[in-house]
């Protein structure tokens, strides 16, 4: 069949699973950056506390 609709329109249908959209990738990247920043700040605070506790007396 050369003209009209394709034989099986279901053949070219696909579904995105939750978490595969463009906006979700952007949200995941933002959460990753926020987690890295928060982890760095927390590690710096803990490191500073340990440094003061183990400093020379």
PDB file of N, CA and C in Angstrom:
ATOM      1  N   UNK A   1       0.844  -1.173   0.000  1.00  0.00           N
ATOM      2  CA  UNK A   1       0.000   0.000   0.000  1.00  0.00           C
ATOM      3  C   UNK A   1       0.891   1.238   0.000  1.00  0.00           C
ATOM      4  N   UNK A   2       0.818   2.032  -1.018  1.00  0.00           N
ATOM      5  CA  UNK A   2       1.685   3.185  -1.167  1.00  0.00           C
ATOM      6  C   UNK A   2       1.086   4.466  -0.601  1.00  0.00           C
ATOM      7  N   UNK A   3      -0.204   4.574  -0.609  1.00  0.00           N
ATOM      8  CA  UNK A   3      -0.857   5.806  -0.155  1.00  0.00           C
ATOM      9  C   UNK A   3      -1.712   5.509   1.067  1.00  0.00           C
ATOM     10  N   UNK A   4      -1.945   6.530   1.862  1.00  0.00           N
ATOM     11  CA  UNK A   4      -2.795   6.343   3.032  1.00  0.00           C
ATOM     12  C   UNK A   4      -1.992   6.042   4.283  1.00  0.00           C
ATOM     13  N   UNK A   5      -2.638   5.392   5.213  1.00  0.00           N
ATOM     14  CA  UNK A   5      -2.006   5.084   6.495  1.00  0.00           C
ATOM     15  C   UNK A   5      -1.067   3.891   6.375  1.00  0.00           C
ATOM     16  N   UNK A   6      -0.179   3.804   7.344  1.00  0.00           N
ATOM     17  CA  UNK A   6       0.712   2.653   7.383  1.00  0.00           C
ATOM     18  C   UNK A   6      -0.094   1.417   7.766  1.00  0.00           C
ATOM     19  N   UNK A   7       0.436   0.279   7.476  1.00  0.00           N
ATOM     20  CA  UNK A   7      -0.284  -0.965   7.721  1.00  0.00           C
ATOM     21  C   UNK A   7      -0.542  -1.204   9.202  1.00  0.00           C
ATOM     22  N   UNK A   8       0.495  -0.983  10.022  1.00  0.00           N
ATOM     23  CA  UNK A   8       0.368  -1.269  11.448  1.00  0.00           C
ATOM     24  C   UNK A   8       0.873  -0.055  12.238  1.00  0.00           C
ATOM     25  N   UNK A   9      -0.035   0.830  12.651  1.00  0.00           N
ATOM     26  CA  UNK A   9       0.434   2.005  13.400  1.00  0.00           C
ATOM     27  C   UNK A   9       0.990   1.639  14.774  1.00  0.00           C
ATOM     28  N   UNK A  10       0.617   0.515  15.324  1.00  0.00           N
ATOM     29  CA  UNK A  10       1.119   0.070  16.626  1.00  0.00           C
ATOM     30  C   UNK A  10       2.604  -0.292  16.554  1.00  0.00           C
ATOM     31  N   UNK A  11       3.090  -0.596  15.374  1.00  0.00           N
ATOM     32  CA  UNK A  11       4.474  -1.010  15.204  1.00  0.00           C
ATOM     33  C   UNK A  11       5.454   0.108  15.544  1.00  0.00           C
ATOM     34  N   UNK A  12       5.065   1.361  15.349  1.00  0.00           N
ATOM     35  CA  UNK A  12       5.957   2.490  15.556  1.00  0.00           C
ATOM     36  C   UNK A  12       5.666   3.224  16.861  1.00  0.00           C
ATOM     37  N   UNK A  13       4.835   2.642  17.706  1.00  0.00           N
ATOM     38  CA  UNK A  13       4.499   3.278  18.975  1.00  0.00           C
ATOM     39  C   UNK A  13       5.514   2.844  20.034  1.00  0.00           C
ATOM     40  N   UNK A  14       5.902   3.781  20.877  1.00  0.00           N
ATOM     41  CA  UNK A  14       6.799   3.444  21.983  1.00  0.00           C
ATOM     42  C   UNK A  14       6.346   4.238  23.198  1.00  0.00           C
ATOM     43  N   UNK A  15       6.735   3.787  24.349  1.00  0.00           N
ATOM     44  CA  UNK A  15       6.356   4.436  25.590  1.00  0.00           C
ATOM     45  C   UNK A  15       7.617   4.817  26.362  1.00  0.00           C
ATOM     46  N   UNK A  16       7.548   5.960  27.031  1.00  0.00           N
ATOM     47  CA  UNK A  16       8.629   6.347  27.923  1.00  0.00           C
ATOM     48  C   UNK A  16       8.278   5.859  29.322  1.00  0.00           C
ATOM     49  N   UNK A  17       9.212   5.221  29.942  1.00  0.00           N
ATOM     50  CA  UNK A  17       9.011   4.807  31.314  1.00  0.00           C
ATOM     51  C   UNK A  17       9.203   6.015  32.226  1.00  0.00           C
ATOM     52  N   UNK A  18       8.668   5.957  33.441  1.00  0.00           N
ATOM     53  CA  UNK A  18       8.886   7.081  34.356  1.00  0.00           C
ATOM     54  C   UNK A  18      10.385   7.295  34.579  1.00  0.00           C
ATOM     55  N   UNK A  19      10.825   8.523  34.452  1.00  0.00           N
ATOM     56  CA  UNK A  19      12.233   8.834  34.648  1.00  0.00           C
ATOM     57  C   UNK A  19      13.028   8.914  33.364  1.00  0.00           C
ATOM     58  N   UNK A  20      12.386   8.776  32.205  1.00  0.00           N
ATOM     59  CA  UNK A  20      13.126   8.824  30.941  1.00  0.00           C
ATOM     60  C   UNK A  20      12.922  10.122  30.164  1.00  0.00           C
ATOM     61  N   UNK A  21      12.117  11.028  30.677  1.00  0.00           N
ATOM     62  CA  UNK A  21      11.862  12.268  29.957  1.00  0.00           C
ATOM     63  C   UNK A  21      12.984  13.268  30.114  1.00  0.00           C
ATOM     64  N   UNK A  22      12.968  14.302  29.278  1.00  0.00           N
ATOM     65  CA  UNK A  22      14.014  15.325  29.299  1.00  0.00           C
ATOM     66  C   UNK A  22      13.967  16.115  30.598  1.00  0.00           C
ATOM     67  N   UNK A  23      12.768  16.472  31.055  1.00  0.00           N
ATOM     68  CA  UNK A  23      12.668  17.263  32.278  1.00  0.00           C
ATOM     69  C   UNK A  23      13.116  16.458  33.490  1.00  0.00           C
ATOM     70  N   UNK A  24      12.901  15.159  33.467  1.00  0.00           N
ATOM     71  CA  UNK A  24      13.330  14.334  34.596  1.00  0.00           C
ATOM     72  C   UNK A  24      14.849  14.214  34.636  1.00  0.00           C
ATOM     73  N   UNK A  25      15.489  14.171  33.466  1.00  0.00           N
ATOM     74  CA  UNK A  25      16.956  14.149  33.442  1.00  0.00           C
ATOM     75  C   UNK A  25      17.518  15.442  34.010  1.00  0.00           C
ATOM     76  N   UNK A  26      16.884  16.566  33.664  1.00  0.00           N
ATOM     77  CA  UNK A  26      17.314  17.866  34.184  1.00  0.00           C
ATOM     78  C   UNK A  26      17.137  17.916  35.701  1.00  0.00           C
ATOM     79  N   UNK A  27      16.024  17.401  36.190  1.00  0.00           N
ATOM     80  CA  UNK A  27      15.756  17.365  37.629  1.00  0.00           C
ATOM     81  C   UNK A  27      16.766  16.468  38.346  1.00  0.00           C
ATOM     82  N   UNK A  28      17.092  15.335  37.750  1.00  0.00           N
ATOM     83  CA  UNK A  28      18.065  14.416  38.351  1.00  0.00           C
ATOM     84  C   UNK A  28      19.445  15.076  38.438  1.00  0.00           C
ATOM     85  N   UNK A  29      19.828  15.786  37.396  1.00  0.00           N
ATOM     86  CA  UNK A  29      21.132  16.471  37.408  1.00  0.00           C
ATOM     87  C   UNK A  29      21.159  17.553  38.488  1.00  0.00           C
ATOM     88  N   UNK A  30      20.074  18.300  38.626  1.00  0.00           N
ATOM     89  CA  UNK A  30      19.993  19.335  39.657  1.00  0.00           C
ATOM     90  C   UNK A  30      20.093  18.713  41.049  1.00  0.00           C
ATOM     91  N   UNK A  31      19.419  17.593  41.263  1.00  0.00           N
ATOM     92  CA  UNK A  31      19.493  16.918  42.556  1.00  0.00           C
ATOM     93  C   UNK A  31      20.900  16.392  42.819  1.00  0.00           C
ATOM     94  N   UNK A  32      21.571  15.894  41.787  1.00  0.00           N
ATOM     95  CA  UNK A  32      22.927  15.389  41.936  1.00  0.00           C
ATOM     96  C   UNK A  32      23.882  16.517  42.332  1.00  0.00           C
ATOM     97  N   UNK A  33      23.781  17.663  41.671  1.00  0.00           N
ATOM     98  CA  UNK A  33      24.639  18.807  41.991  1.00  0.00           C
ATOM     99  C   UNK A  33      24.364  19.283  43.411  1.00  0.00           C
ATOM    100  N   UNK A  34      23.089  19.353  43.794  1.00  0.00           N
ATOM    101  CA  UNK A  34      22.735  19.779  45.153  1.00  0.00           C
ATOM    102  C   UNK A  34      23.282  18.797  46.190  1.00  0.00           C
ATOM    103  N   UNK A  35      23.222  17.502  45.895  1.00  0.00           N
ATOM    104  CA  UNK A  35      23.731  16.491  46.826  1.00  0.00           C
ATOM    105  C   UNK A  35      25.251  16.598  46.973  1.00  0.00           C
ATOM    106  N   UNK A  36      25.950  16.848  45.877  1.00  0.00           N
ATOM    107  CA  UNK A  36      27.413  16.986  45.940  1.00  0.00           C
ATOM    108  C   UNK A  36      27.798  18.223  46.749  1.00  0.00           C
ATOM    109  N   UNK A  37      27.090  19.328  46.535  1.00  0.00           N
ATOM    110  CA  UNK A  37      27.384  20.551  47.287  1.00  0.00           C
ATOM    111  C   UNK A  37      27.094  20.345  48.774  1.00  0.00           C
ATOM    112  N   UNK A  38      25.935  19.753  49.085  1.00  0.00           N
ATOM    113  CA  UNK A  38      25.579  19.523  50.490  1.00  0.00           C
ATOM    114  C   UNK A  38      26.571  18.568  51.147  1.00  0.00           C
ATOM    115  N   UNK A  39      26.993  17.529  50.446  1.00  0.00           N
ATOM    116  CA  UNK A  39      27.973  16.590  50.985  1.00  0.00           C
ATOM    117  C   UNK A  39      29.316  17.239  51.234  1.00  0.00           C
ATOM    118  N   UNK A  40      29.723  18.119  50.328  1.00  0.00           N
ATOM    119  CA  UNK A  40      31.003  18.820  50.511  1.00  0.00           C
ATOM    120  C   UNK A  40      30.969  19.740  51.728  1.00  0.00           C
ATOM    121  N   UNK A  41      29.866  20.449  51.891  1.00  0.00           N
ATOM    122  CA  UNK A  41      29.737  21.340  53.052  1.00  0.00           C
ATOM    123  C   UNK A  41      29.738  20.527  54.342  1.00  0.00           C
ATOM    124  N   UNK A  42      28.979  19.444  54.374  1.00  0.00           N
ATOM    125  CA  UNK A  42      28.920  18.601  55.569  1.00  0.00           C
ATOM    126  C   UNK A  42      30.288  18.008  55.892  1.00  0.00           C
ATOM    127  N   UNK A  43      31.006  17.539  54.872  1.00  0.00           N
ATOM    128  CA  UNK A  43      32.339  16.967  55.086  1.00  0.00           C
ATOM    129  C   UNK A  43      33.309  18.030  55.609  1.00  0.00           C
ATOM    130  N   UNK A  44      33.198  19.262  55.107  1.00  0.00           N
ATOM    131  CA  UNK A  44      34.065  20.341  55.587  1.00  0.00           C
ATOM    132  C   UNK A  44      33.780  20.661  57.054  1.00  0.00           C
ATOM    133  N   UNK A  45      32.503  20.660  57.426  1.00  0.00           N
ATOM    134  CA  UNK A  45      32.145  20.932  58.825  1.00  0.00           C
ATOM    135  C   UNK A  45      32.673  19.835  59.741  1.00  0.00           C
ATOM    136  N   UNK A  46      32.459  18.577  59.361  1.00  0.00           N
ATOM    137  CA  UNK A  46      32.937  17.454  60.176  1.00  0.00           C
ATOM    138  C   UNK A  46      34.468  17.475  60.249  1.00  0.00           C
ATOM    139  N   UNK A  47      35.125  17.747  59.140  1.00  0.00           N
ATOM    140  CA  UNK A  47      36.589  17.823  59.121  1.00  0.00           C
ATOM    141  C   UNK A  47      37.117  18.927  60.020  1.00  0.00           C
ATOM    142  N   UNK A  48      36.442  20.076  60.012  1.00  0.00           N
ATOM    143  CA  UNK A  48      36.857  21.185  60.878  1.00  0.00           C
ATOM    144  C   UNK A  48      36.688  20.822  62.343  1.00  0.00           C
ATOM    145  N   UNK A  49      35.580  20.191  62.684  1.00  0.00           N
ATOM    146  CA  UNK A  49      35.351  19.764  64.070  1.00  0.00           C
ATOM    147  C   UNK A  49      36.426  18.772  64.509  1.00  0.00           C
ATOM    148  N   UNK A  50      36.730  17.798  63.656  1.00  0.00           N
ATOM    149  CA  UNK A  50      37.757  16.803  63.998  1.00  0.00           C
ATOM    150  C   UNK A  50      39.130  17.460  64.124  1.00  0.00           C
ATOM    151  N   UNK A  51      39.416  18.440  63.287  1.00  0.00           N
ATOM    152  CA  UNK A  51      40.717  19.122  63.333  1.00  0.00           C
ATOM    153  C   UNK A  51      40.875  19.890  64.650  1.00  0.00           C
ATOM    154  N   UNK A  52      39.808  20.574  65.069  1.00  0.00           N
ATOM    155  CA  UNK A  52      39.877  21.292  66.343  1.00  0.00           C
ATOM    156  C   UNK A  52      39.953  20.350  67.529  1.00  0.00           C
ATOM    157  N   UNK A  53      39.262  19.217  67.467  1.00  0.00           N
ATOM    158  CA  UNK A  53      39.290  18.268  68.577  1.00  0.00           C
ATOM    159  C   UNK A  53      40.662  17.588  68.718  1.00  0.00           C
ATOM    160  N   UNK A  54      41.368  17.366  67.609  1.00  0.00           N
ATOM    161  CA  UNK A  54      42.640  16.649  67.641  1.00  0.00           C
ATOM    162  C   UNK A  54      43.847  17.584  67.523  1.00  0.00           C
ATOM    163  N   UNK A  55      43.623  18.857  67.674  1.00  0.00           N
ATOM    164  CA  UNK A  55      44.712  19.829  67.545  1.00  0.00           C
ATOM    165  C   UNK A  55      45.665  19.739  68.717  1.00  0.00           C
ATOM    166  N   UNK A  56      46.809  20.446  68.625  1.00  0.00           N
ATOM    167  CA  UNK A  56      47.782  20.424  69.720  1.00  0.00           C
ATOM    168  C   UNK A  56      47.200  21.101  70.963  1.00  0.00           C
ATOM    169  N   UNK A  57      47.580  20.570  72.124  1.00  0.00           N
ATOM    170  CA  UNK A  57      47.040  21.113  73.374  1.00  0.00           C
ATOM    171  C   UNK A  57      48.079  21.854  74.145  1.00  0.00           C
TER     172      UNK A  57
END
